[in-house]
Amino acid sequence: MAMTREEFEAKLGVVLRDHGIGTTADLTDELVAYWTGQRVGYVLINESPSGSSYEEFVMDDVQWNIWRSWLEAWIDSPMFSVRP
């Protein structure tokens, strides 16, 4: 059975809280998640020749259906970074 967004965010939230402040979950090459202190937050990273830009991302049910296969795969092979 496919994972729900709520199940994914519950698992991800525990992991991010355990890793501490400044840790991001590198969900894909362009999507990262972090712990806000209350919930999981998401950021899209856009790389360009002039630099990187960061945009808050809302993971609603529509976006979950688009991203779900990548995010479920991430659970099996999680990657993290530490960011300032």
C-alpha atoms as a PDB file:
ATOM      1  CA  MET A   1       0.000   0.000   0.000  1.00  0.00           C
ATOM      2  CA  ALA A   2       1.264   3.472  -0.879  1.00  0.00           C
ATOM      3  CA  MET A   3       2.415   5.760   1.906  1.00  0.00           C
ATOM      4  CA  THR A   4       0.242   8.764   2.702  1.00  0.00           C
ATOM      5  CA  ARG A   5       1.640  12.275   2.972  1.00  0.00           C
ATOM      6  CA  GLU A   6       0.822  12.292   6.672  1.00  0.00           C
ATOM      7  CA  GLU A   7       2.744   9.031   7.242  1.00  0.00           C
ATOM      8  CA  PHE A   8       5.726  10.327   5.277  1.00  0.00           C
ATOM      9  CA  GLU A   9       5.807  13.643   7.144  1.00  0.00           C
ATOM     10  CA  ALA A  10       5.488  11.884  10.513  1.00  0.00           C
ATOM     11  CA  LYS A  11       8.513   9.663   9.732  1.00  0.00           C
ATOM     12  CA  LEU A  12      10.477  12.527   8.215  1.00  0.00           C
ATOM     13  CA  GLY A  13       9.681  14.817  11.138  1.00  0.00           C
ATOM     14  CA  VAL A  14      11.071  12.317  13.658  1.00  0.00           C
ATOM     15  CA  VAL A  15      14.279  11.907  11.666  1.00  0.00           C
ATOM     16  CA  LEU A  16      14.796  15.648  11.211  1.00  0.00           C
ATOM     17  CA  ARG A  17      14.149  16.383  14.900  1.00  0.00           C
ATOM     18  CA  ASP A  18      16.652  13.667  15.860  1.00  0.00           C
ATOM     19  CA  HIS A  19      19.325  15.064  13.500  1.00  0.00           C
ATOM     20  CA  GLY A  20      19.040  18.572  14.935  1.00  0.00           C
ATOM     21  CA  ILE A  21      18.887  22.163  13.759  1.00  0.00           C
ATOM     22  CA  GLY A  22      20.460  22.908  10.386  1.00  0.00           C
ATOM     23  CA  THR A  23      19.880  19.430   8.972  1.00  0.00           C
ATOM     24  CA  THR A  24      17.958  19.109   5.730  1.00  0.00           C
ATOM     25  CA  ALA A  25      16.607  15.982   4.122  1.00  0.00           C
ATOM     26  CA  ASP A  26      17.806  15.997   0.516  1.00  0.00           C
ATOM     27  CA  LEU A  27      14.632  14.535  -0.973  1.00  0.00           C
ATOM     28  CA  THR A  28      15.608  15.108  -4.625  1.00  0.00           C
ATOM     29  CA  ASP A  29      18.195  17.216  -6.448  1.00  0.00           C
ATOM     30  CA  GLU A  30      15.845  20.180  -6.190  1.00  0.00           C
ATOM     31  CA  LEU A  31      13.643  19.541  -3.132  1.00  0.00           C
ATOM     32  CA  VAL A  32      14.799  19.583   0.491  1.00  0.00           C
ATOM     33  CA  ALA A  33      12.900  19.373   3.765  1.00  0.00           C
ATOM     34  CA  TYR A  34      13.712  20.750   7.214  1.00  0.00           C
ATOM     35  CA  TRP A  35      12.158  20.826  10.685  1.00  0.00           C
ATOM     36  CA  THR A  36      10.574  24.211  11.487  1.00  0.00           C
ATOM     37  CA  GLY A  37      10.281  23.409  15.174  1.00  0.00           C
ATOM     38  CA  GLN A  38       6.626  22.476  14.697  1.00  0.00           C
ATOM     39  CA  ARG A  39       6.342  20.700  11.352  1.00  0.00           C
ATOM     40  CA  VAL A  40       8.201  19.654   8.220  1.00  0.00           C
ATOM     41  CA  GLY A  41       8.906  22.539   5.826  1.00  0.00           C
ATOM     42  CA  TYR A  42       9.944  22.202   2.185  1.00  0.00           C
ATOM     43  CA  VAL A  43      12.165  24.303  -0.081  1.00  0.00           C
ATOM     44  CA  LEU A  44      12.735  24.085  -3.834  1.00  0.00           C
ATOM     45  CA  ILE A  45      16.304  24.868  -4.878  1.00  0.00           C
ATOM     46  CA  ASN A  46      16.769  26.306  -8.354  1.00  0.00           C
ATOM     47  CA  GLU A  47      20.331  26.264  -9.668  1.00  0.00           C
ATOM     48  CA  SER A  48      21.268  28.670 -12.446  1.00  0.00           C
ATOM     49  CA  PRO A  49      24.490  30.135 -13.852  1.00  0.00           C
ATOM     50  CA  SER A  50      23.899  33.242 -11.736  1.00  0.00           C
ATOM     51  CA  GLY A  51      23.543  31.244  -8.501  1.00  0.00           C
ATOM     52  CA  SER A  52      20.993  29.396  -6.447  1.00  0.00           C
ATOM     53  CA  SER A  53      17.531  30.532  -5.475  1.00  0.00           C
ATOM     54  CA  TYR A  54      15.364  29.070  -2.754  1.00  0.00           C
ATOM     55  CA  GLU A  55      11.585  29.005  -2.747  1.00  0.00           C
ATOM     56  CA  GLU A  56       9.264  27.772  -0.002  1.00  0.00           C
ATOM     57  CA  PHE A  57       7.250  24.822  -1.268  1.00  0.00           C
ATOM     58  CA  VAL A  58       3.828  23.691  -0.057  1.00  0.00           C
ATOM     59  CA  MET A  59       3.431  19.915  -0.014  1.00  0.00           C
ATOM     60  CA  ASP A  60      -0.321  19.589  -0.375  1.00  0.00           C
ATOM     61  CA  ASP A  61      -2.219  16.531  -1.607  1.00  0.00           C
ATOM     62  CA  VAL A  62      -1.816  17.507  -5.273  1.00  0.00           C
ATOM     63  CA  GLN A  63       1.961  17.946  -4.913  1.00  0.00           C
ATOM     64  CA  TRP A  64       2.187  14.742  -2.869  1.00  0.00           C
ATOM     65  CA  ASN A  65       0.681  12.782  -5.763  1.00  0.00           C
ATOM     66  CA  ILE A  66       3.259  14.292  -8.137  1.00  0.00           C
ATOM     67  CA  TRP A  67       6.287  13.744  -5.855  1.00  0.00           C
ATOM     68  CA  ARG A  68       5.219  10.567  -4.002  1.00  0.00           C
ATOM     69  CA  SER A  69       7.324   8.002  -5.912  1.00  0.00           C
ATOM     70  CA  TRP A  70      10.528  10.023  -5.341  1.00  0.00           C
ATOM     71  CA  LEU A  71       9.726  10.632  -1.694  1.00  0.00           C
ATOM     72  CA  GLU A  72       8.881   6.993  -0.997  1.00  0.00           C
ATOM     73  CA  ALA A  73      12.203   6.021  -2.621  1.00  0.00           C
ATOM     74  CA  TRP A  74      14.005   8.541  -0.390  1.00  0.00           C
ATOM     75  CA  ILE A  75      12.697   6.730   2.722  1.00  0.00           C
ATOM     76  CA  ASP A  76      14.593   3.615   1.558  1.00  0.00           C
ATOM     77  CA  SER A  77      17.854   5.540   0.930  1.00  0.00           C
ATOM     78  CA  PRO A  78      17.752   8.802   2.893  1.00  0.00           C
ATOM     79  CA  MET A  79      20.291  11.559   2.280  1.00  0.00           C
ATOM     80  CA  PHE A  80      20.920  14.562   4.522  1.00  0.00           C
ATOM     81  CA  SER A  81      22.919  17.783   4.492  1.00  0.00           C
ATOM     82  CA  VAL A  82      23.794  20.315   7.152  1.00  0.00           C
ATOM     83  CA  ARG A  83      23.030  23.864   6.096  1.00  0.00           C
ATOM     84  CA  PRO A  84      23.515  27.162   7.927  1.00  0.00           C
END
